[in-house]
Amino acid sequence: MTRVWKWNRPVTVREVLEDLQEERSIAYTTVMTVLDNLHQKGWVRREAEGRAYRYEAVSTRAAYAAALMNEAWSRSDNPAAALVAFFGMMSAEQREALSDAMRIVQGPEVAQRSEPAQRPEVAQRSEVVQPPEVTRPPENPASVERDAER
C-alpha cells in the first residue's frame, strides 16, 4: 500500500516493481500477487489498461491506519483497558493530536465549550479538517499489515 500511495495515481505492476527494485531484488509475479491480494481484500481497485491493470488505493493512508486500529480495538476482550494502555504509550505530542482530533470529531459546538482560550487554532482547524472515511475494514489485519509493508 505504501508504494501505491507514494505514486498518488493509478499504477501498474511494472511501476511498483521498478520502484521496489531500487531497494531490493523482487520478482514481477510477487508484486502482481500482492496487488491482486490487495484488490481481493478491497484495499485497491483496478482498471484494465491493455493487457495490464492499473491499481489505485481505495482509501487514504489515514483511513487505512484507522481501520487497522479499529480492527485491533474491536478484537480486544476489554476495549476500555486497551485504550487506556494505548493512551499510556503515547507521547505528549500524540496525546495533544488526539485531543485535537476529538474536538474535530465532536463538532464545533462541543469544541467551543471545551476549547481552552489560549488555543483558538484548533477551532479553526475543526472547520476544515474532516475525519477520514473508512471504506472497508481489513478482512485479516495481520495479512493486510504485511501487504502494506510491500
C-alpha atoms as a PDB file:
ATOM      1  CA  MET A   1       0.000   0.000   0.000  1.00  0.00           C
ATOM      2  CA  THR A   2       2.850   2.381   0.774  1.00  0.00           C
ATOM      3  CA  ARG A   3       4.053   2.193  -2.828  1.00  0.00           C
ATOM      4  CA  VAL A   4       0.562   2.745  -4.235  1.00  0.00           C
ATOM      5  CA  TRP A   5       0.053   5.813  -2.014  1.00  0.00           C
ATOM      6  CA  LYS A   6       3.525   7.093  -2.920  1.00  0.00           C
ATOM      7  CA  TRP A   7       2.618   7.367  -6.609  1.00  0.00           C
ATOM      8  CA  ASN A   8      -0.642   9.183  -5.790  1.00  0.00           C
ATOM      9  CA  ARG A   9      -2.201   7.954  -9.046  1.00  0.00           C
ATOM     10  CA  PRO A  10      -3.168   4.595 -10.563  1.00  0.00           C
ATOM     11  CA  VAL A  11      -0.037   2.453 -11.001  1.00  0.00           C
ATOM     12  CA  THR A  12       0.922  -0.668 -12.911  1.00  0.00           C
ATOM     13  CA  VAL A  13       2.664  -3.718 -11.500  1.00  0.00           C
ATOM     14  CA  ARG A  14       5.727  -2.733 -13.549  1.00  0.00           C
ATOM     15  CA  GLU A  15       5.895   0.733 -11.951  1.00  0.00           C
ATOM     16  CA  VAL A  16       5.680  -0.686  -8.433  1.00  0.00           C
ATOM     17  CA  LEU A  17       8.237  -3.357  -9.353  1.00  0.00           C
ATOM     18  CA  GLU A  18      10.741  -0.804 -10.655  1.00  0.00           C
ATOM     19  CA  ASP A  19      10.220   1.309  -7.545  1.00  0.00           C
ATOM     20  CA  LEU A  20      10.845  -1.674  -5.246  1.00  0.00           C
ATOM     21  CA  GLN A  21      13.848  -2.896  -7.239  1.00  0.00           C
ATOM     22  CA  GLU A  22      15.710   0.285  -6.312  1.00  0.00           C
ATOM     23  CA  GLU A  23      15.902  -1.167  -2.785  1.00  0.00           C
ATOM     24  CA  ARG A  24      15.895  -4.949  -3.270  1.00  0.00           C
ATOM     25  CA  SER A  25      15.529  -7.755  -5.741  1.00  0.00           C
ATOM     26  CA  ILE A  26      11.916  -8.822  -6.182  1.00  0.00           C
ATOM     27  CA  ALA A  27      10.023 -10.757  -8.845  1.00  0.00           C
ATOM     28  CA  TYR A  28       7.316  -9.282 -11.055  1.00  0.00           C
ATOM     29  CA  THR A  29       4.976 -12.112 -10.053  1.00  0.00           C
ATOM     30  CA  THR A  30       5.449 -11.298  -6.362  1.00  0.00           C
ATOM     31  CA  VAL A  31       4.359  -7.693  -6.876  1.00  0.00           C
ATOM     32  CA  MET A  32       1.477  -8.837  -9.083  1.00  0.00           C
ATOM     33  CA  THR A  33       0.314 -11.312  -6.409  1.00  0.00           C
ATOM     34  CA  VAL A  34       0.453  -8.713  -3.628  1.00  0.00           C
ATOM     35  CA  LEU A  35      -1.507  -6.171  -5.689  1.00  0.00           C
ATOM     36  CA  ASP A  36      -4.052  -8.845  -6.617  1.00  0.00           C
ATOM     37  CA  ASN A  37      -4.415  -9.786  -2.925  1.00  0.00           C
ATOM     38  CA  LEU A  38      -4.940  -6.130  -2.005  1.00  0.00           C
ATOM     39  CA  HIS A  39      -7.566  -5.902  -4.753  1.00  0.00           C
ATOM     40  CA  GLN A  40      -9.379  -9.002  -3.479  1.00  0.00           C
ATOM     41  CA  LYS A  41      -9.367  -7.572   0.058  1.00  0.00           C
ATOM     42  CA  GLY A  42     -10.857  -4.324  -1.205  1.00  0.00           C
ATOM     43  CA  TRP A  43      -7.901  -2.040  -0.456  1.00  0.00           C
ATOM     44  CA  VAL A  44      -7.192  -1.181  -4.108  1.00  0.00           C
ATOM     45  CA  ARG A  45      -9.358  -1.002  -7.196  1.00  0.00           C
ATOM     46  CA  ARG A  46      -8.034  -1.862 -10.611  1.00  0.00           C
ATOM     47  CA  GLU A  47      -8.826  -0.943 -14.166  1.00  0.00           C
ATOM     48  CA  ALA A  48      -7.696  -2.815 -17.240  1.00  0.00           C
ATOM     49  CA  GLU A  49      -5.266  -0.980 -19.489  1.00  0.00           C
ATOM     50  CA  GLY A  50      -4.346  -3.114 -22.464  1.00  0.00           C
ATOM     51  CA  ARG A  51      -3.077  -6.427 -21.115  1.00  0.00           C
ATOM     52  CA  ALA A  52      -2.242  -4.971 -17.690  1.00  0.00           C
ATOM     53  CA  TYR A  53      -4.100  -3.391 -14.788  1.00  0.00           C
ATOM     54  CA  ARG A  54      -3.685  -0.021 -13.134  1.00  0.00           C
ATOM     55  CA  TYR A  55      -4.170  -0.162  -9.364  1.00  0.00           C
ATOM     56  CA  GLU A  56      -5.382   2.696  -7.191  1.00  0.00           C
ATOM     57  CA  ALA A  57      -5.829   2.937  -3.408  1.00  0.00           C
ATOM     58  CA  VAL A  58      -9.453   2.857  -2.282  1.00  0.00           C
ATOM     59  CA  SER A  59      -8.746   4.854   0.873  1.00  0.00           C
ATOM     60  CA  THR A  60      -6.186   7.249   2.239  1.00  0.00           C
ATOM     61  CA  ARG A  61      -3.286   6.200   4.410  1.00  0.00           C
ATOM     62  CA  ALA A  62      -5.106   7.778   7.389  1.00  0.00           C
ATOM     63  CA  ALA A  63      -8.289   5.793   6.736  1.00  0.00           C
ATOM     64  CA  TYR A  64      -6.239   2.621   6.335  1.00  0.00           C
ATOM     65  CA  ALA A  65      -4.476   3.204   9.671  1.00  0.00           C
ATOM     66  CA  ALA A  66      -7.822   3.990  11.310  1.00  0.00           C
ATOM     67  CA  ALA A  67      -9.301   0.721  10.023  1.00  0.00           C
ATOM     68  CA  LEU A  68      -6.337  -1.244  11.398  1.00  0.00           C
ATOM     69  CA  MET A  69      -6.665   0.448  14.797  1.00  0.00           C
ATOM     70  CA  ASN A  70     -10.417  -0.110  14.845  1.00  0.00           C
ATOM     71  CA  GLU A  71      -9.990  -3.772  13.962  1.00  0.00           C
ATOM     72  CA  ALA A  72      -7.399  -4.286  16.703  1.00  0.00           C
ATOM     73  CA  TRP A  73      -9.535  -2.434  19.244  1.00  0.00           C
ATOM     74  CA  SER A  74     -12.697  -4.363  18.357  1.00  0.00           C
ATOM     75  CA  ARG A  75     -10.899  -7.681  18.878  1.00  0.00           C
ATOM     76  CA  SER A  76      -9.979  -6.782  22.458  1.00  0.00           C
ATOM     77  CA  ASP A  77     -11.885  -8.532  25.227  1.00  0.00           C
ATOM     78  CA  ASN A  78     -11.636  -5.270  27.228  1.00  0.00           C
ATOM     79  CA  PRO A  79     -11.715  -2.306  24.831  1.00  0.00           C
ATOM     80  CA  ALA A  80     -11.540   0.307  27.616  1.00  0.00           C
ATOM     81  CA  ALA A  81      -8.385  -1.267  29.067  1.00  0.00           C
ATOM     82  CA  ALA A  82      -6.875  -1.492  25.581  1.00  0.00           C
ATOM     83  CA  LEU A  83      -7.492   2.227  25.038  1.00  0.00           C
ATOM     84  CA  VAL A  84      -6.009   3.125  28.433  1.00  0.00           C
ATOM     85  CA  ALA A  85      -2.911   1.062  27.629  1.00  0.00           C
ATOM     86  CA  PHE A  86      -2.662   2.656  24.174  1.00  0.00           C
ATOM     87  CA  PHE A  87      -3.005   6.185  25.580  1.00  0.00           C
ATOM     88  CA  GLY A  88      -0.329   5.342  28.146  1.00  0.00           C
ATOM     89  CA  MET A  89       2.122   4.613  25.325  1.00  0.00           C
ATOM     90  CA  MET A  90       1.502   7.963  23.618  1.00  0.00           C
ATOM     91  CA  SER A  91       3.889  10.889  23.767  1.00  0.00           C
ATOM     92  CA  ALA A  92       2.636  14.288  24.928  1.00  0.00           C
ATOM     93  CA  GLU A  93       2.559  15.398  21.283  1.00  0.00           C
ATOM     94  CA  GLN A  94       0.474  12.370  20.286  1.00  0.00           C
ATOM     95  CA  ARG A  95      -1.961  12.981  23.169  1.00  0.00           C
ATOM     96  CA  GLU A  96      -2.312  16.601  22.038  1.00  0.00           C
ATOM     97  CA  ALA A  97      -3.024  15.439  18.466  1.00  0.00           C
ATOM     98  CA  LEU A  98      -5.615  13.004  19.846  1.00  0.00           C
ATOM     99  CA  SER A  99      -7.223  15.803  21.843  1.00  0.00           C
ATOM    100  CA  ASP A 100      -7.395  17.956  18.699  1.00  0.00           C
ATOM    101  CA  ALA A 101      -8.891  15.049  16.746  1.00  0.00           C
ATOM    102  CA  MET A 102     -11.569  14.523  19.402  1.00  0.00           C
ATOM    103  CA  ARG A 103     -12.557  18.188  19.142  1.00  0.00           C
ATOM    104  CA  ILE A 104     -12.846  17.829  15.360  1.00  0.00           C
ATOM    105  CA  VAL A 105     -14.959  14.672  15.556  1.00  0.00           C
ATOM    106  CA  GLN A 106     -17.243  16.071  18.266  1.00  0.00           C
ATOM    107  CA  GLY A 107     -18.055  19.110  16.168  1.00  0.00           C
ATOM    108  CA  PRO A 108     -17.800  22.866  16.559  1.00  0.00           C
ATOM    109  CA  GLU A 109     -20.386  23.185  19.355  1.00  0.00           C
ATOM    110  CA  VAL A 110     -18.522  20.755  21.636  1.00  0.00           C
ATOM    111  CA  ALA A 111     -15.146  22.178  20.622  1.00  0.00           C
ATOM    112  CA  GLN A 112     -16.264  25.691  21.593  1.00  0.00           C
ATOM    113  CA  ARG A 113     -17.448  24.525  25.037  1.00  0.00           C
ATOM    114  CA  SER A 114     -14.241  22.630  25.812  1.00  0.00           C
ATOM    115  CA  GLU A 115     -11.761  24.786  23.916  1.00  0.00           C
ATOM    116  CA  PRO A 116      -9.089  26.428  26.063  1.00  0.00           C
ATOM    117  CA  ALA A 117      -8.930  30.171  25.415  1.00  0.00           C
ATOM    118  CA  GLN A 118      -5.232  30.051  24.510  1.00  0.00           C
ATOM    119  CA  ARG A 119      -5.725  27.561  21.599  1.00  0.00           C
ATOM    120  CA  PRO A 120      -8.079  29.167  19.027  1.00  0.00           C
ATOM    121  CA  GLU A 121      -6.254  27.487  16.095  1.00  0.00           C
ATOM    122  CA  VAL A 122      -7.908  24.139  16.973  1.00  0.00           C
ATOM    123  CA  ALA A 123     -11.400  25.552  16.435  1.00  0.00           C
ATOM    124  CA  GLN A 124     -10.304  26.925  13.060  1.00  0.00           C
ATOM    125  CA  ARG A 125      -8.850  23.556  12.026  1.00  0.00           C
ATOM    126  CA  SER A 126     -12.068  21.769  13.006  1.00  0.00           C
ATOM    127  CA  GLU A 127     -13.904  23.707  10.317  1.00  0.00           C
ATOM    128  CA  VAL A 128     -11.502  22.476   7.621  1.00  0.00           C
ATOM    129  CA  VAL A 129     -10.313  19.014   8.628  1.00  0.00           C
ATOM    130  CA  GLN A 130     -12.696  16.106   8.328  1.00  0.00           C
ATOM    131  CA  PRO A 131     -12.163  12.662   9.843  1.00  0.00           C
ATOM    132  CA  PRO A 132     -11.009  10.067   7.314  1.00  0.00           C
ATOM    133  CA  GLU A 133     -13.651   7.966   5.661  1.00  0.00           C
ATOM    134  CA  VAL A 134     -13.054   4.249   6.033  1.00  0.00           C
ATOM    135  CA  THR A 135     -14.457   2.371   3.086  1.00  0.00           C
ATOM    136  CA  ARG A 136     -13.941  -1.184   4.266  1.00  0.00           C
ATOM    137  CA  PRO A 137     -12.214  -2.756   7.269  1.00  0.00           C
ATOM    138  CA  PRO A 138      -9.480  -5.298   6.578  1.00  0.00           C
ATOM    139  CA  GLU A 139     -10.518  -8.925   6.462  1.00  0.00           C
ATOM    140  CA  ASN A 140      -7.339 -10.102   8.148  1.00  0.00           C
ATOM    141  CA  PRO A 141      -5.336  -7.321   9.831  1.00  0.00           C
ATOM    142  CA  ALA A 142      -2.142  -9.378  10.035  1.00  0.00           C
ATOM    143  CA  SER A 143      -2.040 -10.112   6.323  1.00  0.00           C
ATOM    144  CA  VAL A 144      -3.087  -6.570   5.409  1.00  0.00           C
ATOM    145  CA  GLU A 145      -0.268  -5.131   7.539  1.00  0.00           C
ATOM    146  CA  ARG A 146       2.210  -7.500   5.884  1.00  0.00           C
ATOM    147  CA  ASP A 147       0.923  -6.485   2.439  1.00  0.00           C
ATOM    148  CA  ALA A 148       1.159  -2.787   3.358  1.00  0.00           C
ATOM    149  CA  GLU A 149       4.865  -3.100   4.040  1.00  0.00           C
ATOM    150  CA  ARG A 150       5.481  -4.295   0.490  1.00  0.00           C
END
